[in-house]
């Protein structure tokens, strides 16, 4: 009995691993289809503008509000650690670089994936269970080109714009917190930031934001196009899409940060 139970657990684990690999392959295939159909005419300009406006409307205010405490927390923690090391003059550079390189793209991606990604999954999922996607294919309309590409590109555009907004708000919040709460001097904060920061630090933040937007858009579209079990399956697809996107975002952030550190040396190194 023990052997049969162990074999059963091993079989379930094998099926789960096989299902995960299959799903990863299908998501990658959808990404390739999105890239291919992006350059295929006609481009759905109206759908792109509508989706970009919708994503911006549901994410800009939460993103701005979340950026303020994130910038303050980063400034507080880096300021406390640097003060222990006796290098208070580098508080501005440490906190600002952390916000620009790490905090702003992650905050942007999490909110875009949570707010916009769930909406995209619910929209496409409801179309799928109503068989609208099948009807489009019967009529010769490519649903990837017509529905998925505008949504993914809209998420990429808004993620890039929101990343800049979060970076500005986060750095400004860290500056105010350091000067008013931690008794820092404005000149030292700005001088330290300009002494160690460099233009590639901003570019890597923008690149991360756009890549995270692609990941969030493709995963949300995949889950929306493959719901299971009717309306309840759409709700499950929304939850699964958000969880998968978060996991992929953290993994992608690790890879991009490691590559950036190896390619671009810090200023003064």
Protein backbone atom coordinates (compact mmCIF):
# COMPACT_ATOMS: atom_id res chain seq x y z
CA UNK A 1 0.00 0.00 0.00
CA UNK A 2 2.86 2.36 0.85
CA UNK A 3 4.54 1.69 -2.47
CA UNK A 4 1.35 2.29 -4.39
CA UNK A 5 0.75 5.55 -2.51
CA UNK A 6 4.31 6.67 -3.25
CA UNK A 7 3.94 5.76 -6.91
CA UNK A 8 0.67 7.69 -7.02
CA UNK A 9 2.30 10.79 -5.57
CA UNK A 10 5.17 10.48 -8.03
CA UNK A 11 2.70 10.17 -10.90
CA UNK A 12 0.83 13.28 -9.77
CA UNK A 13 4.09 15.21 -9.44
CA UNK A 14 5.12 14.10 -12.92
CA UNK A 15 1.81 15.20 -14.41
CA UNK A 16 2.04 18.56 -12.63
CA UNK A 17 5.57 19.13 -13.96
CA UNK A 18 4.47 18.13 -17.46
CA UNK A 19 1.52 20.52 -17.26
CA UNK A 20 3.78 23.38 -16.17
CA UNK A 21 6.21 22.76 -19.03
CA UNK A 22 3.36 22.54 -21.52
CA UNK A 23 1.90 25.82 -20.27
CA UNK A 24 5.30 27.52 -20.42
CA UNK A 25 5.69 26.36 -24.01
CA UNK A 26 2.25 27.66 -24.98
CA UNK A 27 2.97 31.04 -23.38
CA UNK A 28 6.26 31.25 -25.28
CA UNK A 29 4.45 30.33 -28.49
CA UNK A 30 1.91 33.09 -27.87
CA UNK A 31 4.78 35.55 -27.35
CA UNK A 32 6.24 34.56 -30.72
CA UNK A 33 2.81 34.99 -32.35
CA UNK A 34 2.44 38.43 -30.78
CA UNK A 35 5.85 39.53 -32.10
CA UNK A 36 5.05 38.17 -35.55
CA UNK A 37 1.63 39.81 -35.75
CA UNK A 38 2.89 43.15 -34.42
CA UNK A 39 4.41 43.93 -37.82
CA UNK A 40 1.49 42.59 -39.82
CA UNK A 41 -0.94 45.05 -41.37
CA UNK A 42 -3.45 46.41 -40.63
CA UNK A 43 -2.43 47.59 -37.17
CA UNK A 44 -5.36 48.04 -34.78
CA UNK A 45 -4.66 51.67 -33.89
CA UNK A 46 -8.05 52.42 -32.38
CA UNK A 47 -7.98 49.31 -30.19
CA UNK A 48 -4.44 50.18 -29.09
CA UNK A 49 -5.39 53.72 -28.07
CA UNK A 50 -8.49 52.54 -26.21
CA UNK A 51 -6.55 49.89 -24.30
CA UNK A 52 -3.72 52.27 -23.48
CA UNK A 53 -6.17 54.82 -22.12
CA UNK A 54 -7.98 52.18 -20.07
CA UNK A 55 -4.75 50.77 -18.60
CA UNK A 56 -3.50 54.27 -17.75
CA UNK A 57 -6.81 55.19 -16.11
CA UNK A 58 -6.80 52.16 -13.79
CA UNK A 59 -3.10 52.24 -12.87
CA UNK A 60 -1.82 55.82 -12.76
CA UNK A 61 -3.34 56.85 -9.42
CA UNK A 62 -2.50 53.62 -7.50
CA UNK A 63 1.02 53.69 -8.94
CA UNK A 64 1.60 57.29 -7.85
CA UNK A 65 0.25 56.59 -4.36
CA UNK A 66 2.35 53.45 -3.93
CA UNK A 67 5.52 55.18 -5.17
CA UNK A 68 5.54 57.69 -2.29
CA UNK A 69 5.81 55.20 0.62
CA UNK A 70 8.20 53.01 -1.36
CA UNK A 71 10.56 55.94 -1.88
CA UNK A 72 10.30 56.91 1.79
CA UNK A 73 10.94 53.35 3.01
CA UNK A 74 13.97 52.92 0.76
CA UNK A 75 15.38 56.27 1.89
CA UNK A 76 14.78 55.39 5.54
CA UNK A 77 16.43 51.97 5.33
CA UNK A 78 19.41 53.04 3.25
CA UNK A 79 19.87 56.14 5.41
CA UNK A 80 19.93 54.06 8.60
CA UNK A 81 22.42 51.56 7.20
CA UNK A 82 24.70 54.17 5.65
CA UNK A 83 24.65 56.20 8.89
CA UNK A 84 25.96 53.14 10.74
CA UNK A 85 28.82 52.97 8.23
CA UNK A 86 29.59 56.66 8.67
CA UNK A 87 28.87 57.58 5.04
CA UNK A 88 25.81 59.83 5.35
CA UNK A 89 26.83 61.72 2.22
CA UNK A 90 25.94 58.74 0.01
CA UNK A 91 22.34 58.42 1.19
CA UNK A 92 21.00 60.23 -1.85
CA UNK A 93 22.86 58.08 -4.35
CA UNK A 94 22.04 54.77 -2.67
CA UNK A 95 18.32 55.41 -2.23
CA UNK A 96 17.86 57.05 -5.63
CA UNK A 97 19.66 54.31 -7.51
CA UNK A 98 17.62 51.68 -5.70
CA UNK A 99 14.41 53.46 -6.68
CA UNK A 100 15.41 54.00 -10.33
CA UNK A 101 16.88 50.56 -10.98
CA UNK A 102 14.70 48.28 -8.85
CA UNK A 103 11.71 49.85 -7.13
CA UNK A 104 10.16 51.80 -10.00
CA UNK A 105 10.05 48.96 -12.58
CA UNK A 106 8.83 46.42 -10.01
CA UNK A 107 6.11 48.67 -8.62
CA UNK A 108 4.99 49.55 -12.14
CA UNK A 109 4.97 45.92 -13.26
CA UNK A 110 3.08 44.64 -10.22
CA UNK A 111 0.36 47.25 -10.56
CA UNK A 112 0.10 46.84 -14.33
CA UNK A 113 -0.11 43.07 -13.93
CA UNK A 114 -2.54 43.24 -11.02
CA UNK A 115 -4.90 45.89 -12.36
CA UNK A 116 -4.56 45.87 -16.15
CA UNK A 117 -3.55 42.22 -16.51
CA UNK A 118 -6.54 40.95 -14.57
CA UNK A 119 -8.84 43.15 -16.67
CA UNK A 120 -7.33 41.81 -19.91
CA UNK A 121 -7.70 38.22 -18.73
CA UNK A 122 -11.32 38.77 -17.71
CA UNK A 123 -12.15 40.49 -21.03
CA UNK A 124 -10.56 37.85 -23.25
CA UNK A 125 -11.86 35.06 -21.04
CA UNK A 126 -15.43 36.28 -21.30
CA UNK A 127 -15.05 36.53 -25.08
CA UNK A 128 -13.69 32.99 -25.19
CA UNK A 129 -16.49 31.36 -23.20
CA UNK A 130 -19.04 33.24 -25.32
CA UNK A 131 -17.29 31.70 -28.35
CA UNK A 132 -16.49 35.11 -29.83
CA UNK A 133 -12.89 34.04 -30.42
CA UNK A 134 -14.06 30.98 -32.35
CA UNK A 135 -16.42 33.15 -34.38
CA UNK A 136 -13.56 35.52 -35.28
CA UNK A 137 -11.45 32.60 -36.49
CA UNK A 138 -14.36 31.27 -38.59
CA UNK A 139 -14.68 34.71 -40.21
CA UNK A 140 -10.96 34.71 -41.01
CA UNK A 141 -10.02 37.31 -38.38
CA UNK A 142 -6.85 36.60 -36.46
CA UNK A 143 -7.68 37.13 -32.74
CA UNK A 144 -4.00 37.53 -31.90
CA UNK A 145 -3.60 40.44 -34.29
CA UNK A 146 -7.02 41.92 -33.56
CA UNK A 147 -7.19 41.62 -29.76
CA UNK A 148 -3.94 40.46 -28.18
CA UNK A 149 -1.32 42.62 -29.94
CA UNK A 150 -2.99 45.98 -29.10
CA UNK A 151 -3.35 44.98 -25.46
CA UNK A 152 0.22 43.80 -25.08
CA UNK A 153 1.64 46.90 -26.78
CA UNK A 154 -0.59 49.14 -24.67
CA UNK A 155 0.72 47.49 -21.50
CA UNK A 156 4.30 47.97 -22.70
CA UNK A 157 3.73 51.67 -23.44
CA UNK A 158 1.96 52.41 -20.16
CA UNK A 159 4.54 50.41 -18.18
CA UNK A 160 7.36 52.50 -19.69
CA UNK A 161 5.54 55.78 -18.94
CA UNK A 162 4.53 54.75 -15.42
CA UNK A 163 8.09 53.63 -14.69
CA UNK A 164 9.31 57.18 -15.28
CA UNK A 165 6.51 58.54 -13.09
CA UNK A 166 7.35 56.15 -10.25
CA UNK A 167 11.06 56.99 -10.52
CA UNK A 168 10.39 60.73 -10.24
CA UNK A 169 7.93 60.37 -7.37
CA UNK A 170 10.12 57.85 -5.55
CA UNK A 171 13.26 59.99 -5.79
CA UNK A 172 11.34 63.10 -4.76
CA UNK A 173 9.74 61.25 -1.84
CA UNK A 174 13.12 59.95 -0.72
CA UNK A 175 14.58 63.46 -0.97
CA UNK A 176 11.81 65.01 1.15
CA UNK A 177 12.00 62.21 3.70
CA UNK A 178 15.78 62.42 3.98
CA UNK A 179 15.87 66.21 4.30
CA UNK A 180 12.87 66.67 6.60
CA UNK A 181 12.94 63.51 8.74
CA UNK A 182 16.56 62.36 8.75
CA UNK A 183 18.06 65.86 8.94
CA UNK A 184 19.97 65.49 5.69
CA UNK A 185 21.15 68.43 3.64
CA UNK A 186 19.63 69.05 0.19
CA UNK A 187 22.98 69.80 -1.42
CA UNK A 188 24.59 66.60 -0.18
CA UNK A 189 21.64 64.49 -1.32
CA UNK A 190 21.66 65.91 -4.85
CA UNK A 191 25.47 65.91 -5.14
CA UNK A 192 25.73 62.26 -4.09
CA UNK A 193 23.07 61.25 -6.61
CA UNK A 194 24.72 63.11 -9.49
CA UNK A 195 28.16 61.78 -8.52
CA UNK A 196 27.27 58.07 -8.70
CA UNK A 197 24.24 57.90 -10.99
CA UNK A 198 24.62 57.48 -14.74
CA UNK A 199 22.32 57.43 -17.74
CA UNK A 200 22.30 53.59 -18.13
CA UNK A 201 20.70 53.40 -14.67
CA UNK A 202 17.65 55.13 -16.11
CA UNK A 203 17.70 53.05 -19.29
CA UNK A 204 17.77 49.74 -17.42
CA UNK A 205 14.73 50.85 -15.43
CA UNK A 206 12.85 51.68 -18.63
CA UNK A 207 13.93 48.43 -20.30
CA UNK A 208 12.78 46.47 -17.28
CA UNK A 209 9.44 48.24 -17.30
CA UNK A 210 8.84 47.44 -20.98
CA UNK A 211 9.92 43.80 -20.62
CA UNK A 212 7.71 43.42 -17.57
CA UNK A 213 4.85 44.91 -19.59
CA UNK A 214 5.38 42.28 -22.29
CA UNK A 215 5.39 39.48 -19.71
CA UNK A 216 2.25 40.75 -18.00
CA UNK A 217 0.42 41.25 -21.30
CA UNK A 218 1.31 37.87 -22.79
CA UNK A 219 0.47 35.90 -19.66
CA UNK A 220 -2.82 37.77 -19.20
CA UNK A 221 -3.75 37.16 -22.85
CA UNK A 222 -2.85 33.47 -22.65
CA UNK A 223 -4.96 32.92 -19.56
CA UNK A 224 -7.82 34.84 -21.12
CA UNK A 225 -7.72 32.74 -24.28
CA UNK A 226 -7.64 29.43 -22.35
CA UNK A 227 -10.17 29.54 -19.49
CA UNK A 228 -11.59 26.29 -18.15
CA UNK A 229 -15.04 25.64 -16.76
CA UNK A 230 -17.14 28.58 -17.90
CA UNK A 231 -17.49 31.78 -15.84
CA UNK A 232 -15.82 30.20 -12.82
CA UNK A 233 -12.90 29.27 -15.05
CA UNK A 234 -12.51 32.92 -16.04
CA UNK A 235 -12.17 33.91 -12.38
CA UNK A 236 -9.63 31.13 -11.83
CA UNK A 237 -7.74 32.25 -14.93
CA UNK A 238 -7.51 35.80 -13.56
CA UNK A 239 -6.03 34.58 -10.27
CA UNK A 240 -3.63 32.18 -11.97
CA UNK A 241 -2.51 34.83 -14.45
CA UNK A 242 -1.64 37.33 -11.72
CA UNK A 243 0.31 34.72 -9.70
CA UNK A 244 2.24 33.45 -12.73
CA UNK A 245 3.03 36.99 -13.82
CA UNK A 246 4.39 37.92 -10.39
CA UNK A 247 6.66 34.87 -10.35
CA UNK A 248 7.96 35.57 -13.85
CA UNK A 249 8.52 39.24 -13.03
CA UNK A 250 10.73 38.51 -10.03
CA UNK A 251 12.71 35.93 -12.01
CA UNK A 252 13.13 38.28 -14.97
CA UNK A 253 14.20 41.11 -12.65
CA UNK A 254 16.93 38.90 -11.20
CA UNK A 255 18.24 37.98 -14.66
CA UNK A 256 18.16 41.56 -15.99
CA UNK A 257 19.87 42.95 -12.88
CA UNK A 258 22.63 40.34 -13.02
CA UNK A 259 23.26 41.02 -16.72
CA UNK A 260 23.26 44.80 -16.17
CA UNK A 261 25.78 44.60 -13.34
CA UNK A 262 28.13 42.56 -15.55
CA UNK A 263 27.77 44.80 -18.62
CA UNK A 264 27.66 48.29 -17.09
CA UNK A 265 30.25 48.92 -14.34
CA UNK A 266 29.25 51.35 -11.57
CA UNK A 267 30.56 54.89 -11.88
CA UNK A 268 33.84 55.25 -10.09
CA UNK A 269 34.59 51.53 -10.11
